[in-house]
Amino acid sequence: MNELRAERLQVMLSPEELSSLDDFRFKHRMPTRAAAVRELLKLGLAGVATDAAAGVKSSDYGVFNRGPEGHTQGDAPEVK
């Protein structure tokens, strides 16, 4: 299938999310991270959808539970 892919989507992932993506990719023998993301999108869109409430931030939609402001202790910026 030769699909037109004219849009680029940039997504920021935590190290844990990236590791999970790579694990999924290699387990299912996907050729690229992009292919794995497209497959996960397809699976997610086929699943149960949730509606966001008012005030929900992008960081609230991580794969792993995150701390305040979407950061874990290791992600927090250094204060000097």
PDB file of N, CA and C in Angstrom:
ATOM      1  N   MET A   1       0.849  -1.173   0.000  1.00  0.00           N
ATOM      2  CA  MET A   1       0.000   0.000   0.000  1.00  0.00           C
ATOM      3  C   MET A   1       0.898   1.241   0.000  1.00  0.00           C
ATOM      4  N   ASN A   2       0.675   2.136  -0.918  1.00  0.00           N
ATOM      5  CA  ASN A   2       1.476   3.346  -1.031  1.00  0.00           C
ATOM      6  C   ASN A   2       0.630   4.536  -0.583  1.00  0.00           C
ATOM      7  N   GLU A   3       0.707   4.868   0.704  1.00  0.00           N
ATOM      8  CA  GLU A   3      -0.081   5.952   1.259  1.00  0.00           C
ATOM      9  C   GLU A   3       0.704   7.250   1.220  1.00  0.00           C
ATOM     10  N   LEU A   4       0.007   8.342   0.941  1.00  0.00           N
ATOM     11  CA  LEU A   4       0.624   9.661   0.977  1.00  0.00           C
ATOM     12  C   LEU A   4       0.775  10.078   2.431  1.00  0.00           C
ATOM     13  N   ARG A   5       1.988  10.389   2.820  1.00  0.00           N
ATOM     14  CA  ARG A   5       2.258  10.851   4.191  1.00  0.00           C
ATOM     15  C   ARG A   5       2.847  12.251   4.093  1.00  0.00           C
ATOM     16  N   ALA A   6       1.968  13.224   4.007  1.00  0.00           N
ATOM     17  CA  ALA A   6       2.405  14.600   3.786  1.00  0.00           C
ATOM     18  C   ALA A   6       2.587  15.392   5.071  1.00  0.00           C
ATOM     19  N   GLU A   7       2.120  14.874   6.191  1.00  0.00           N
ATOM     20  CA  GLU A   7       2.214  15.609   7.448  1.00  0.00           C
ATOM     21  C   GLU A   7       3.255  14.990   8.361  1.00  0.00           C
ATOM     22  N   ARG A   8       4.045  15.848   8.976  1.00  0.00           N
ATOM     23  CA  ARG A   8       5.041  15.413   9.955  1.00  0.00           C
ATOM     24  C   ARG A   8       4.517  15.761  11.335  1.00  0.00           C
ATOM     25  N   LEU A   9       4.623  14.822  12.267  1.00  0.00           N
ATOM     26  CA  LEU A   9       4.159  15.028  13.633  1.00  0.00           C
ATOM     27  C   LEU A   9       5.341  14.854  14.565  1.00  0.00           C
ATOM     28  N   GLN A  10       5.641  15.866  15.343  1.00  0.00           N
ATOM     29  CA  GLN A  10       6.744  15.801  16.298  1.00  0.00           C
ATOM     30  C   GLN A  10       6.175  15.498  17.669  1.00  0.00           C
ATOM     31  N   VAL A  11       6.711  14.478  18.328  1.00  0.00           N
ATOM     32  CA  VAL A  11       6.245  14.071  19.647  1.00  0.00           C
ATOM     33  C   VAL A  11       7.444  13.963  20.569  1.00  0.00           C
ATOM     34  N   MET A  12       7.345  14.574  21.735  1.00  0.00           N
ATOM     35  CA  MET A  12       8.400  14.470  22.736  1.00  0.00           C
ATOM     36  C   MET A  12       8.072  13.310  23.664  1.00  0.00           C
ATOM     37  N   LEU A  13       9.040  12.419  23.906  1.00  0.00           N
ATOM     38  CA  LEU A  13       8.842  11.256  24.761  1.00  0.00           C
ATOM     39  C   LEU A  13       9.861  11.259  25.888  1.00  0.00           C
ATOM     40  N   SER A  14       9.440  10.735  27.018  1.00  0.00           N
ATOM     41  CA  SER A  14      10.376  10.540  28.130  1.00  0.00           C
ATOM     42  C   SER A  14      11.255   9.333  27.782  1.00  0.00           C
ATOM     43  N   PRO A  15      12.362   9.155  28.460  1.00  0.00           N
ATOM     44  CA  PRO A  15      13.197   7.974  28.209  1.00  0.00           C
ATOM     45  C   PRO A  15      12.421   6.666  28.398  1.00  0.00           C
ATOM     46  N   GLU A  16      11.522   6.629  29.390  1.00  0.00           N
ATOM     47  CA  GLU A  16      10.729   5.414  29.627  1.00  0.00           C
ATOM     48  C   GLU A  16       9.747   5.160  28.484  1.00  0.00           C
ATOM     49  N   GLU A  17       9.128   6.213  27.974  1.00  0.00           N
ATOM     50  CA  GLU A  17       8.200   6.067  26.852  1.00  0.00           C
ATOM     51  C   GLU A  17       8.934   5.609  25.600  1.00  0.00           C
ATOM     52  N   LEU A  18      10.100   6.180  25.353  1.00  0.00           N
ATOM     53  CA  LEU A  18      10.889   5.784  24.193  1.00  0.00           C
ATOM     54  C   LEU A  18      11.326   4.324  24.300  1.00  0.00           C
ATOM     55  N   SER A  19      11.716   3.911  25.489  1.00  0.00           N
ATOM     56  CA  SER A  19      12.098   2.519  25.708  1.00  0.00           C
ATOM     57  C   SER A  19      10.925   1.574  25.445  1.00  0.00           C
ATOM     58  N   SER A  20       9.740   1.962  25.900  1.00  0.00           N
ATOM     59  CA  SER A  20       8.546   1.144  25.664  1.00  0.00           C
ATOM     60  C   SER A  20       8.214   1.073  24.176  1.00  0.00           C
ATOM     61  N   LEU A  21       8.360   2.199  23.487  1.00  0.00           N
ATOM     62  CA  LEU A  21       8.120   2.212  22.048  1.00  0.00           C
ATOM     63  C   LEU A  21       9.093   1.274  21.341  1.00  0.00           C
ATOM     64  N   ASP A  22      10.377   1.359  21.698  1.00  0.00           N
ATOM     65  CA  ASP A  22      11.372   0.489  21.085  1.00  0.00           C
ATOM     66  C   ASP A  22      11.110  -0.983  21.406  1.00  0.00           C
ATOM     67  N   ASP A  23      10.700  -1.277  22.641  1.00  0.00           N
ATOM     68  CA  ASP A  23      10.362  -2.654  23.008  1.00  0.00           C
ATOM     69  C   ASP A  23       9.228  -3.178  22.137  1.00  0.00           C
ATOM     70  N   PHE A  24       8.181  -2.352  21.955  1.00  0.00           N
ATOM     71  CA  PHE A  24       7.053  -2.734  21.099  1.00  0.00           C
ATOM     72  C   PHE A  24       7.537  -2.963  19.666  1.00  0.00           C
ATOM     73  N   ARG A  25       8.339  -2.040  19.182  1.00  0.00           N
ATOM     74  CA  ARG A  25       8.852  -2.125  17.805  1.00  0.00           C
ATOM     75  C   ARG A  25       9.601  -3.423  17.570  1.00  0.00           C
ATOM     76  N   PHE A  26      10.541  -3.750  18.463  1.00  0.00           N
ATOM     77  CA  PHE A  26      11.365  -4.942  18.254  1.00  0.00           C
ATOM     78  C   PHE A  26      10.577  -6.225  18.479  1.00  0.00           C
ATOM     79  N   LYS A  27       9.662  -6.213  19.455  1.00  0.00           N
ATOM     80  CA  LYS A  27       8.834  -7.394  19.724  1.00  0.00           C
ATOM     81  C   LYS A  27       7.981  -7.748  18.512  1.00  0.00           C
ATOM     82  N   HIS A  28       7.498  -6.717  17.801  1.00  0.00           N
ATOM     83  CA  HIS A  28       6.619  -6.932  16.653  1.00  0.00           C
ATOM     84  C   HIS A  28       7.351  -6.781  15.318  1.00  0.00           C
ATOM     85  N   ARG A  29       8.676  -6.724  15.383  1.00  0.00           N
ATOM     86  CA  ARG A  29       9.522  -6.667  14.181  1.00  0.00           C
ATOM     87  C   ARG A  29       9.146  -5.533  13.234  1.00  0.00           C
ATOM     88  N   MET A  30       8.886  -4.377  13.814  1.00  0.00           N
ATOM     89  CA  MET A  30       8.543  -3.206  13.010  1.00  0.00           C
ATOM     90  C   MET A  30       9.838  -2.609  12.453  1.00  0.00           C
ATOM     91  N   PRO A  31       9.832  -2.129  11.223  1.00  0.00           N
ATOM     92  CA  PRO A  31      11.072  -1.643  10.607  1.00  0.00           C
ATOM     93  C   PRO A  31      11.595  -0.319  11.175  1.00  0.00           C
ATOM     94  N   THR A  32      10.694   0.537  11.673  1.00  0.00           N
ATOM     95  CA  THR A  32      11.103   1.859  12.165  1.00  0.00           C
ATOM     96  C   THR A  32      10.257   2.254  13.366  1.00  0.00           C
ATOM     97  N   ARG A  33      10.724   3.268  14.086  1.00  0.00           N
ATOM     98  CA  ARG A  33       9.911   3.825  15.173  1.00  0.00           C
ATOM     99  C   ARG A  33       8.625   4.416  14.622  1.00  0.00           C
ATOM    100  N   ALA A  34       8.708   5.059  13.473  1.00  0.00           N
ATOM    101  CA  ALA A  34       7.513   5.656  12.871  1.00  0.00           C
ATOM    102  C   ALA A  34       6.458   4.589  12.580  1.00  0.00           C
ATOM    103  N   ALA A  35       6.874   3.439  12.084  1.00  0.00           N
ATOM    104  CA  ALA A  35       5.930   2.344  11.815  1.00  0.00           C
ATOM    105  C   ALA A  35       5.300   1.870  13.118  1.00  0.00           C
ATOM    106  N   ALA A  36       6.097   1.787  14.173  1.00  0.00           N
ATOM    107  CA  ALA A  36       5.578   1.364  15.471  1.00  0.00           C
ATOM    108  C   ALA A  36       4.567   2.380  16.006  1.00  0.00           C
ATOM    109  N   VAL A  37       4.860   3.668  15.860  1.00  0.00           N
ATOM    110  CA  VAL A  37       3.933   4.706  16.311  1.00  0.00           C
ATOM    111  C   VAL A  37       2.631   4.615  15.527  1.00  0.00           C
ATOM    112  N   ARG A  38       2.716   4.438  14.211  1.00  0.00           N
ATOM    113  CA  ARG A  38       1.495   4.322  13.398  1.00  0.00           C
ATOM    114  C   ARG A  38       0.670   3.109  13.820  1.00  0.00           C
ATOM    115  N   GLU A  39       1.328   1.979  14.113  1.00  0.00           N
ATOM    116  CA  GLU A  39       0.612   0.782  14.557  1.00  0.00           C
ATOM    117  C   GLU A  39      -0.046   1.008  15.913  1.00  0.00           C
ATOM    118  N   LEU A  40       0.661   1.659  16.825  1.00  0.00           N
ATOM    119  CA  LEU A  40       0.085   1.955  18.135  1.00  0.00           C
ATOM    120  C   LEU A  40      -1.089   2.927  18.016  1.00  0.00           C
ATOM    121  N   LEU A  41      -0.989   3.898  17.106  1.00  0.00           N
ATOM    122  CA  LEU A  41      -2.114   4.806  16.861  1.00  0.00           C
ATOM    123  C   LEU A  41      -3.324   4.037  16.351  1.00  0.00           C
ATOM    124  N   LYS A  42      -3.079   3.131  15.409  1.00  0.00           N
ATOM    125  CA  LYS A  42      -4.168   2.326  14.865  1.00  0.00           C
ATOM    126  C   LYS A  42      -4.832   1.509  15.970  1.00  0.00           C
ATOM    127  N   LEU A  43      -4.025   0.871  16.815  1.00  0.00           N
ATOM    128  CA  LEU A  43      -4.565   0.077  17.917  1.00  0.00           C
ATOM    129  C   LEU A  43      -5.315   0.955  18.918  1.00  0.00           C
ATOM    130  N   GLY A  44      -4.755   2.114  19.237  1.00  0.00           N
ATOM    131  CA  GLY A  44      -5.398   3.020  20.181  1.00  0.00           C
ATOM    132  C   GLY A  44      -6.702   3.577  19.655  1.00  0.00           C
ATOM    133  N   LEU A  45      -6.732   3.923  18.378  1.00  0.00           N
ATOM    134  CA  LEU A  45      -7.950   4.476  17.799  1.00  0.00           C
ATOM    135  C   LEU A  45      -9.048   3.425  17.684  1.00  0.00           C
ATOM    136  N   ALA A  46      -8.667   2.162  17.594  1.00  0.00           N
ATOM    137  CA  ALA A  46      -9.643   1.074  17.539  1.00  0.00           C
ATOM    138  C   ALA A  46     -10.168   0.731  18.925  1.00  0.00           C
ATOM    139  N   GLY A  47      -9.467   1.169  19.964  1.00  0.00           N
ATOM    140  CA  GLY A  47      -9.852   0.865  21.342  1.00  0.00           C
ATOM    141  C   GLY A  47     -10.867   1.855  21.877  1.00  0.00           C
ATOM    142  N   VAL A  48     -11.026   1.815  23.165  1.00  0.00           N
ATOM    143  CA  VAL A  48     -11.974   2.709  23.837  1.00  0.00           C
ATOM    144  C   VAL A  48     -11.385   4.108  23.913  1.00  0.00           C
ATOM    145  N   ALA A  49     -12.148   5.075  23.476  1.00  0.00           N
ATOM    146  CA  ALA A  49     -11.703   6.469  23.513  1.00  0.00           C
ATOM    147  C   ALA A  49     -12.118   7.110  24.826  1.00  0.00           C
ATOM    148  N   THR A  50     -11.345   8.104  25.246  1.00  0.00           N
ATOM    149  CA  THR A  50     -11.701   8.883  26.430  1.00  0.00           C
ATOM    150  C   THR A  50     -11.818  10.339  26.020  1.00  0.00           C
ATOM    151  N   ASP A  51     -12.717  11.036  26.665  1.00  0.00           N
ATOM    152  CA  ASP A  51     -12.890  12.464  26.399  1.00  0.00           C
ATOM    153  C   ASP A  51     -12.160  13.245  27.477  1.00  0.00           C
ATOM    154  N   ALA A  52     -11.442  14.253  27.068  1.00  0.00           N
ATOM    155  CA  ALA A  52     -10.694  15.083  28.012  1.00  0.00           C
ATOM    156  C   ALA A  52     -11.631  16.048  28.720  1.00  0.00           C
ATOM    157  N   ALA A  53     -11.322  16.299  29.949  1.00  0.00           N
ATOM    158  CA  ALA A  53     -12.059  17.305  30.713  1.00  0.00           C
ATOM    159  C   ALA A  53     -11.391  18.658  30.496  1.00  0.00           C
ATOM    160  N   ALA A  54     -12.088  19.718  30.839  1.00  0.00           N
ATOM    161  CA  ALA A  54     -11.521  21.058  30.715  1.00  0.00           C
ATOM    162  C   ALA A  54     -10.275  21.169  31.581  1.00  0.00           C
ATOM    163  N   GLY A  55      -9.252  21.800  31.058  1.00  0.00           N
ATOM    164  CA  GLY A  55      -8.038  22.040  31.823  1.00  0.00           C
ATOM    165  C   GLY A  55      -7.025  20.911  31.789  1.00  0.00           C
ATOM    166  N   VAL A  56      -7.294  19.854  31.028  1.00  0.00           N
ATOM    167  CA  VAL A  56      -6.345  18.745  30.941  1.00  0.00           C
ATOM    168  C   VAL A  56      -5.188  19.169  30.051  1.00  0.00           C
ATOM    169  N   LYS A  57      -3.946  18.908  30.530  1.00  0.00           N
ATOM    170  CA  LYS A  57      -2.744  19.299  29.795  1.00  0.00           C
ATOM    171  C   LYS A  57      -2.199  18.118  29.000  1.00  0.00           C
ATOM    172  N   SER A  58      -1.408  18.406  28.001  1.00  0.00           N
ATOM    173  CA  SER A  58      -0.768  17.371  27.199  1.00  0.00           C
ATOM    174  C   SER A  58       0.058  16.427  28.069  1.00  0.00           C
ATOM    175  N   SER A  59       0.737  16.973  29.074  1.00  0.00           N
ATOM    176  CA  SER A  59       1.588  16.147  29.933  1.00  0.00           C
ATOM    177  C   SER A  59       0.778  15.153  30.767  1.00  0.00           C
ATOM    178  N   ASP A  60      -0.540  15.350  30.867  1.00  0.00           N
ATOM    179  CA  ASP A  60      -1.395  14.408  31.592  1.00  0.00           C
ATOM    180  C   ASP A  60      -1.604  13.110  30.817  1.00  0.00           C
ATOM    181  N   TYR A  61      -1.196  13.067  29.572  1.00  0.00           N
ATOM    182  CA  TYR A  61      -1.416  11.912  28.716  1.00  0.00           C
ATOM    183  C   TYR A  61      -0.155  11.099  28.477  1.00  0.00           C
ATOM    184  N   GLY A  62       0.708  10.991  29.462  1.00  0.00           N
ATOM    185  CA  GLY A  62       1.911  10.185  29.327  1.00  0.00           C
ATOM    186  C   GLY A  62       1.592   8.705  29.449  1.00  0.00           C
ATOM    187  N   VAL A  63       2.532   7.899  29.035  1.00  0.00           N
ATOM    188  CA  VAL A  63       2.396   6.448  29.142  1.00  0.00           C
ATOM    189  C   VAL A  63       2.569   6.015  30.587  1.00  0.00           C
ATOM    190  N   PHE A  64       3.437   6.697  31.310  1.00  0.00           N
ATOM    191  CA  PHE A  64       3.727   6.370  32.696  1.00  0.00           C
ATOM    192  C   PHE A  64       3.233   7.489  33.591  1.00  0.00           C
ATOM    193  N   ASN A  65       2.919   7.160  34.841  1.00  0.00           N
ATOM    194  CA  ASN A  65       2.501   8.198  35.787  1.00  0.00           C
ATOM    195  C   ASN A  65       3.661   9.153  36.003  1.00  0.00           C
ATOM    196  N   ARG A  66       3.366  10.424  35.971  1.00  0.00           N
ATOM    197  CA  ARG A  66       4.388  11.450  36.121  1.00  0.00           C
ATOM    198  C   ARG A  66       4.073  12.270  37.360  1.00  0.00           C
ATOM    199  N   GLY A  67       5.053  13.023  37.807  1.00  0.00           N
ATOM    200  CA  GLY A  67       4.874  13.885  38.966  1.00  0.00           C
ATOM    201  C   GLY A  67       4.235  15.202  38.585  1.00  0.00           C
ATOM    202  N   PRO A  68       4.274  16.173  39.499  1.00  0.00           N
ATOM    203  CA  PRO A  68       3.726  17.500  39.200  1.00  0.00           C
ATOM    204  C   PRO A  68       4.403  18.093  37.965  1.00  0.00           C
ATOM    205  N   GLU A  69       3.659  18.794  37.202  1.00  0.00           N
ATOM    206  CA  GLU A  69       4.162  19.441  35.975  1.00  0.00           C
ATOM    207  C   GLU A  69       4.663  18.423  34.954  1.00  0.00           C
ATOM    208  N   GLY A  70       4.282  17.144  35.074  1.00  0.00           N
ATOM    209  CA  GLY A  70       4.662  16.147  34.091  1.00  0.00           C
ATOM    210  C   GLY A  70       6.080  15.647  34.206  1.00  0.00           C
ATOM    211  N   HIS A  71       6.784  15.960  35.298  1.00  0.00           N
ATOM    212  CA  HIS A  71       8.177  15.576  35.445  1.00  0.00           C
ATOM    213  C   HIS A  71       8.347  14.545  36.549  1.00  0.00           C
ATOM    214  N   THR A  72       9.354  13.694  36.399  1.00  0.00           N
ATOM    215  CA  THR A  72       9.770  12.831  37.497  1.00  0.00           C
ATOM    216  C   THR A  72      10.932  13.533  38.175  1.00  0.00           C
ATOM    217  N   GLN A  73      11.366  13.020  39.285  1.00  0.00           N
ATOM    218  CA  GLN A  73      12.490  13.640  40.006  1.00  0.00           C
ATOM    219  C   GLN A  73      13.710  13.776  39.097  1.00  0.00           C
ATOM    220  N   GLY A  74      14.004  12.754  38.286  1.00  0.00           N
ATOM    221  CA  GLY A  74      15.180  12.805  37.419  1.00  0.00           C
ATOM    222  C   GLY A  74      15.068  13.812  36.296  1.00  0.00           C
ATOM    223  N   ASP A  75      13.839  14.209  35.926  1.00  0.00           N
ATOM    224  CA  ASP A  75      13.631  15.152  34.834  1.00  0.00           C
ATOM    225  C   ASP A  75      13.689  16.610  35.281  1.00  0.00           C
ATOM    226  N   ALA A  76      13.579  16.826  36.584  1.00  0.00           N
ATOM    227  CA  ALA A  76      13.454  18.198  37.077  1.00  0.00           C
ATOM    228  C   ALA A  76      14.687  19.021  36.725  1.00  0.00           C
ATOM    229  N   PRO A  77      14.467  20.255  36.269  1.00  0.00           N
ATOM    230  CA  PRO A  77      15.611  21.117  35.950  1.00  0.00           C
ATOM    231  C   PRO A  77      16.404  21.428  37.215  1.00  0.00           C
ATOM    232  N   GLU A  78      17.711  21.523  37.041  1.00  0.00           N
ATOM    233  CA  GLU A  78      18.566  21.850  38.178  1.00  0.00           C
ATOM    234  C   GLU A  78      18.389  23.298  38.578  1.00  0.00           C
ATOM    235  N   VAL A  79      18.289  23.526  39.867  1.00  0.00           N
ATOM    236  CA  VAL A  79      18.194  24.901  40.374  1.00  0.00           C
ATOM    237  C   VAL A  79      19.556  25.258  40.953  1.00  0.00           C
ATOM    238  N   LYS A  80      20.135  26.350  40.445  1.00  0.00           N
ATOM    239  CA  LYS A  80      21.466  26.762  40.894  1.00  0.00           C
ATOM    240  C   LYS A  80      21.397  28.014  41.696  1.00  0.00           C
TER     241      LYS A  80
END
